[in-house]
Amino acid sequence: MPRYVAFLRGVSPMNCKMAELKQCFEDAGFSNVRTILSSGNVVFDARAASLPKLEQRAQEAMQEGLDRAFDTHMRTTAELQALLDADPFAAFKLPADAKRIVTFVRSAKAGLKLPIEQDGARILALRGGEVLGAYVRSDKGPVFMTLLERTFGKDITTRTLDTVRKCAGA
């Protein structure tokens, strides 16, 4: 049975208890459910199905169990592992303190010229439904998220490369 990861947009310990989120996924019929960190990462097993159908099932279960649904972007753990194995940031000269980021998108803009840079935030590359980016913390606030949303809209969710690694291995 394939293993999947649901990356949920906007989840934090302040607006969603992980035990309740886990229960929603179990109620949807998913098995071997785990939440990773407290930021909306749910790993589970399910019979093979299209990602949009699994996303819909998860969102319906969250609406039923939590009385709200979080925007959901799913990938198989195999897809995530292939991304990690490709060492996608190796081609870029990034400072040691740069946060390496993977943003999950439903569709990429055609003809987008990359990289895009603003105040230490960089959108580096598109790889299928993933946007690779990096930033160095600054006192200018959430420049990176502003840049991502201006470029791709709000139908996205972002994780550090370390979080993607944890989810792929769970």
Foldseek 3Di string as FASTA:
>chain_A
DFKKKKAFPPWAVVQDDQVLLQVLLVVLVWPPWDADDRRRIIMTDDDDDDQVVSQVSSQVSCCVRVVGGTQIDMDTLVVLVVVVVVVVCVVDDDDPQKFKKKKFAPDADPPDDDFDDDPQKTFHDDDPRITIIIGHDDPPPPPNVVVCCVRHNDSMHMDTNVSSVVSSVD
